[in-house]
N, C-alpha and C. Protein backbone atom coordinates (compact mmCIF):
# COMPACT_ATOMS: atom_id res chain seq x y z
N MET A 1 121.62 110.30 78.34
CA MET A 1 120.84 110.06 77.16
C MET A 1 121.07 111.16 76.09
N PRO A 2 121.14 112.44 76.48
CA PRO A 2 121.39 113.46 75.46
C PRO A 2 122.72 113.27 74.76
N GLU A 3 123.71 112.71 75.47
CA GLU A 3 125.01 112.47 74.85
C GLU A 3 124.88 111.45 73.72
N LEU A 4 124.02 110.46 73.93
CA LEU A 4 123.79 109.44 72.91
C LEU A 4 123.18 110.07 71.66
N PHE A 5 122.21 110.97 71.86
CA PHE A 5 121.60 111.65 70.71
C PHE A 5 122.63 112.50 69.97
N GLN A 6 123.46 113.21 70.71
CA GLN A 6 124.48 114.05 70.08
C GLN A 6 125.47 113.21 69.29
N THR A 7 125.86 112.07 69.84
CA THR A 7 126.78 111.17 69.15
C THR A 7 126.15 110.66 67.86
N PHE A 8 124.89 110.27 67.94
CA PHE A 8 124.19 109.76 66.76
C PHE A 8 124.07 110.84 65.69
N GLU A 9 123.75 112.07 66.09
CA GLU A 9 123.64 113.17 65.12
C GLU A 9 125.00 113.45 64.47
N ALA A 10 126.08 113.38 65.24
CA ALA A 10 127.41 113.62 64.69
C ALA A 10 127.78 112.53 63.68
N MET A 11 127.40 111.28 63.98
CA MET A 11 127.68 110.19 63.05
C MET A 11 126.90 110.39 61.75
N GLN A 12 125.64 110.81 61.86
CA GLN A 12 124.84 111.05 60.66
C GLN A 12 125.43 112.18 59.82
N LYS A 13 125.88 113.23 60.49
CA LYS A 13 126.46 114.36 59.76
C LYS A 13 127.73 113.94 59.05
N SER A 14 128.55 113.13 59.71
CA SER A 14 129.78 112.64 59.10
C SER A 14 129.48 111.80 57.86
N GLU A 15 128.51 110.92 57.96
CA GLU A 15 128.12 110.09 56.81
C GLU A 15 127.59 110.93 55.67
N GLU A 16 126.82 111.96 55.99
CA GLU A 16 126.28 112.83 54.95
C GLU A 16 127.42 113.58 54.24
N GLU A 17 128.42 114.04 55.00
CA GLU A 17 129.56 114.72 54.39
C GLU A 17 130.32 113.78 53.45
N LYS A 18 130.45 112.52 53.85
CA LYS A 18 131.13 111.55 52.98
C LYS A 18 130.35 111.34 51.69
N ARG A 19 129.03 111.22 51.80
CA ARG A 19 128.21 111.02 50.59
C ARG A 19 128.33 112.20 49.65
N ILE A 20 128.30 113.41 50.20
CA ILE A 20 128.42 114.61 49.37
C ILE A 20 129.78 114.65 48.70
N PHE A 21 130.84 114.30 49.42
CA PHE A 21 132.18 114.30 48.86
C PHE A 21 132.30 113.30 47.71
N PHE A 22 131.85 112.06 47.93
CA PHE A 22 131.96 111.04 46.89
C PHE A 22 131.09 111.38 45.68
N ALA A 23 129.95 112.01 45.90
CA ALA A 23 129.12 112.44 44.78
C ALA A 23 129.81 113.53 43.98
N SER A 24 130.51 114.42 44.66
CA SER A 24 131.21 115.49 43.94
C SER A 24 132.36 114.92 43.12
N LEU A 25 132.98 113.84 43.59
CA LEU A 25 134.03 113.19 42.80
C LEU A 25 133.47 112.62 41.50
N GLN A 26 132.21 112.23 41.50
CA GLN A 26 131.58 111.68 40.32
C GLN A 26 130.93 112.77 39.47
N GLY A 27 131.07 114.03 39.89
CA GLY A 27 130.54 115.14 39.10
C GLY A 27 129.10 115.46 39.40
N LYS A 28 128.57 114.94 40.47
CA LYS A 28 127.17 115.21 40.83
C LYS A 28 127.14 116.14 42.02
N THR A 29 126.08 116.89 42.10
CA THR A 29 125.93 117.84 43.20
C THR A 29 124.78 117.39 44.09
N LEU A 30 125.10 117.15 45.32
CA LEU A 30 124.06 116.82 46.31
C LEU A 30 123.87 118.01 47.22
N GLU A 31 122.64 118.23 47.62
CA GLU A 31 122.34 119.33 48.54
C GLU A 31 122.43 118.82 49.96
N ARG A 32 122.90 119.67 50.81
CA ARG A 32 122.95 119.31 52.23
C ARG A 32 121.53 119.34 52.79
N SER A 33 121.25 118.39 53.65
CA SER A 33 119.93 118.39 54.27
C SER A 33 119.88 119.53 55.29
N GLU A 34 118.72 120.12 55.39
CA GLU A 34 118.56 121.22 56.34
C GLU A 34 118.60 120.65 57.74
N ASP A 35 119.26 121.37 58.63
CA ASP A 35 119.31 120.95 60.02
C ASP A 35 117.97 121.27 60.66
N SER A 36 117.04 120.37 60.51
CA SER A 36 115.72 120.60 61.10
C SER A 36 115.82 120.35 62.59
N LYS A 37 115.49 121.35 63.32
CA LYS A 37 115.54 121.24 64.76
C LYS A 37 114.26 120.57 65.24
N GLY A 38 114.41 119.37 65.70
CA GLY A 38 113.28 118.64 66.24
C GLY A 38 113.05 119.03 67.68
N PRO A 39 112.23 118.26 68.34
CA PRO A 39 111.98 118.57 69.75
C PRO A 39 113.22 118.33 70.59
N THR A 40 113.39 119.15 71.60
CA THR A 40 114.53 118.99 72.49
C THR A 40 114.27 117.86 73.48
N PHE A 41 115.30 117.48 74.19
CA PHE A 41 115.17 116.42 75.19
C PHE A 41 114.18 116.83 76.27
N ASP A 42 114.21 118.11 76.66
CA ASP A 42 113.26 118.58 77.68
C ASP A 42 111.83 118.57 77.16
N ASP A 43 111.63 118.86 75.87
CA ASP A 43 110.29 118.78 75.28
C ASP A 43 109.75 117.35 75.37
N ILE A 44 110.59 116.40 75.08
CA ILE A 44 110.18 114.99 75.14
C ILE A 44 109.89 114.59 76.58
N ARG A 45 110.75 115.04 77.50
CA ARG A 45 110.52 114.75 78.93
C ARG A 45 109.21 115.34 79.40
N ARG A 46 108.90 116.58 78.97
CA ARG A 46 107.66 117.24 79.35
C ARG A 46 106.45 116.44 78.87
N ARG A 47 106.50 116.00 77.61
CA ARG A 47 105.38 115.21 77.08
C ARG A 47 105.23 113.90 77.82
N ALA A 48 106.36 113.26 78.16
CA ALA A 48 106.30 111.99 78.88
C ALA A 48 105.69 112.16 80.27
N MET A 49 105.88 113.33 80.86
CA MET A 49 105.31 113.59 82.18
C MET A 49 103.87 114.07 82.09
N GLY A 50 103.35 114.23 80.87
CA GLY A 50 101.96 114.65 80.69
C GLY A 50 101.75 116.15 80.77
N ILE A 51 102.81 116.92 80.61
CA ILE A 51 102.72 118.37 80.65
C ILE A 51 102.56 118.86 79.22
N ASN A 52 101.40 119.42 78.93
CA ASN A 52 101.11 119.90 77.57
C ASN A 52 101.33 121.40 77.49
N ALA A 53 102.57 121.82 77.68
CA ALA A 53 102.92 123.24 77.61
C ALA A 53 104.30 123.37 77.00
N ARG A 54 104.55 124.53 76.37
CA ARG A 54 105.87 124.80 75.82
C ARG A 54 106.84 125.08 76.95
N GLY A 55 108.12 125.03 76.64
CA GLY A 55 109.14 125.26 77.64
C GLY A 55 109.17 126.67 78.19
N ASP A 56 108.66 127.65 77.42
CA ASP A 56 108.68 129.03 77.90
C ASP A 56 107.38 129.42 78.60
N ASP A 57 106.52 128.44 78.85
CA ASP A 57 105.25 128.67 79.53
C ASP A 57 105.41 128.32 81.01
N ILE A 58 104.87 129.15 81.88
CA ILE A 58 105.02 128.91 83.32
C ILE A 58 104.33 127.63 83.75
N VAL A 59 103.33 127.19 83.00
CA VAL A 59 102.63 125.95 83.32
C VAL A 59 103.56 124.75 83.20
N SER A 60 104.61 124.87 82.40
CA SER A 60 105.54 123.76 82.23
C SER A 60 106.43 123.54 83.45
N LEU A 61 106.44 124.49 84.38
CA LEU A 61 107.26 124.35 85.59
C LEU A 61 106.51 123.51 86.62
N GLN A 62 106.50 122.22 86.39
CA GLN A 62 105.86 121.27 87.29
C GLN A 62 106.84 120.15 87.59
N GLY A 63 106.66 119.52 88.73
CA GLY A 63 107.46 118.34 89.07
C GLY A 63 108.94 118.62 89.08
N SER A 64 109.70 117.76 88.39
CA SER A 64 111.16 117.89 88.40
C SER A 64 111.62 119.16 87.68
N PHE A 65 110.83 119.65 86.73
CA PHE A 65 111.20 120.89 86.05
C PHE A 65 111.17 122.06 87.04
N ALA A 66 110.18 122.09 87.92
CA ALA A 66 110.10 123.15 88.92
C ALA A 66 111.26 123.05 89.89
N GLN A 67 111.61 121.84 90.29
CA GLN A 67 112.72 121.66 91.22
C GLN A 67 114.04 122.09 90.59
N GLU A 68 114.23 121.80 89.31
CA GLU A 68 115.45 122.20 88.62
C GLU A 68 115.59 123.72 88.54
N GLU A 69 114.46 124.41 88.44
CA GLU A 69 114.47 125.87 88.36
C GLU A 69 114.44 126.53 89.73
N GLY A 70 114.35 125.73 90.79
CA GLY A 70 114.35 126.29 92.13
C GLY A 70 112.98 126.62 92.66
N PHE A 71 111.95 126.11 92.02
CA PHE A 71 110.59 126.33 92.47
C PHE A 71 110.02 125.00 92.96
N GLY A 72 108.97 125.08 93.70
CA GLY A 72 108.31 123.88 94.16
C GLY A 72 107.19 124.25 95.11
N VAL A 73 106.63 123.26 95.75
CA VAL A 73 105.53 123.50 96.67
C VAL A 73 106.04 124.39 97.81
N GLY A 74 105.36 125.49 98.03
CA GLY A 74 105.73 126.40 99.11
C GLY A 74 106.96 127.23 98.83
N MET A 75 107.42 127.27 97.59
CA MET A 75 108.64 128.02 97.30
C MET A 75 108.35 129.30 96.51
N GLY A 76 107.12 129.76 96.50
CA GLY A 76 106.84 131.08 95.94
C GLY A 76 106.40 131.14 94.50
N LEU A 77 106.05 130.04 93.89
CA LEU A 77 105.58 130.09 92.50
C LEU A 77 104.07 129.91 92.50
N GLY A 78 103.37 130.92 92.04
CA GLY A 78 101.92 130.83 91.96
C GLY A 78 101.43 131.17 90.57
N TYR A 79 100.42 130.46 90.12
CA TYR A 79 99.83 130.73 88.82
C TYR A 79 98.42 130.17 88.81
N SER A 80 97.64 130.58 87.85
CA SER A 80 96.30 130.00 87.70
C SER A 80 96.05 129.79 86.22
N ARG A 81 95.36 128.72 85.92
CA ARG A 81 95.00 128.44 84.52
C ARG A 81 93.66 129.10 84.23
N GLU A 82 93.55 129.68 83.06
CA GLU A 82 92.29 130.32 82.67
C GLU A 82 91.68 129.61 81.52
């Protein structure tokens, strides 16, 4: 799925470059859109799993995220919510 997003973003960037080029041929100046960094794929996955924590928060290490990092039930990760 991330590959699909990357492909789509590359296509959009290519189209934007074409628009800027053709506008410059007509003597107009277009500004490049800022590369706004939206949520990452892991952020979206976290929200879908119902985890309301940022990626750098230890609370986000639940479920498959904990397994990917090498933590899990009985594997030495302890925390408490306050």
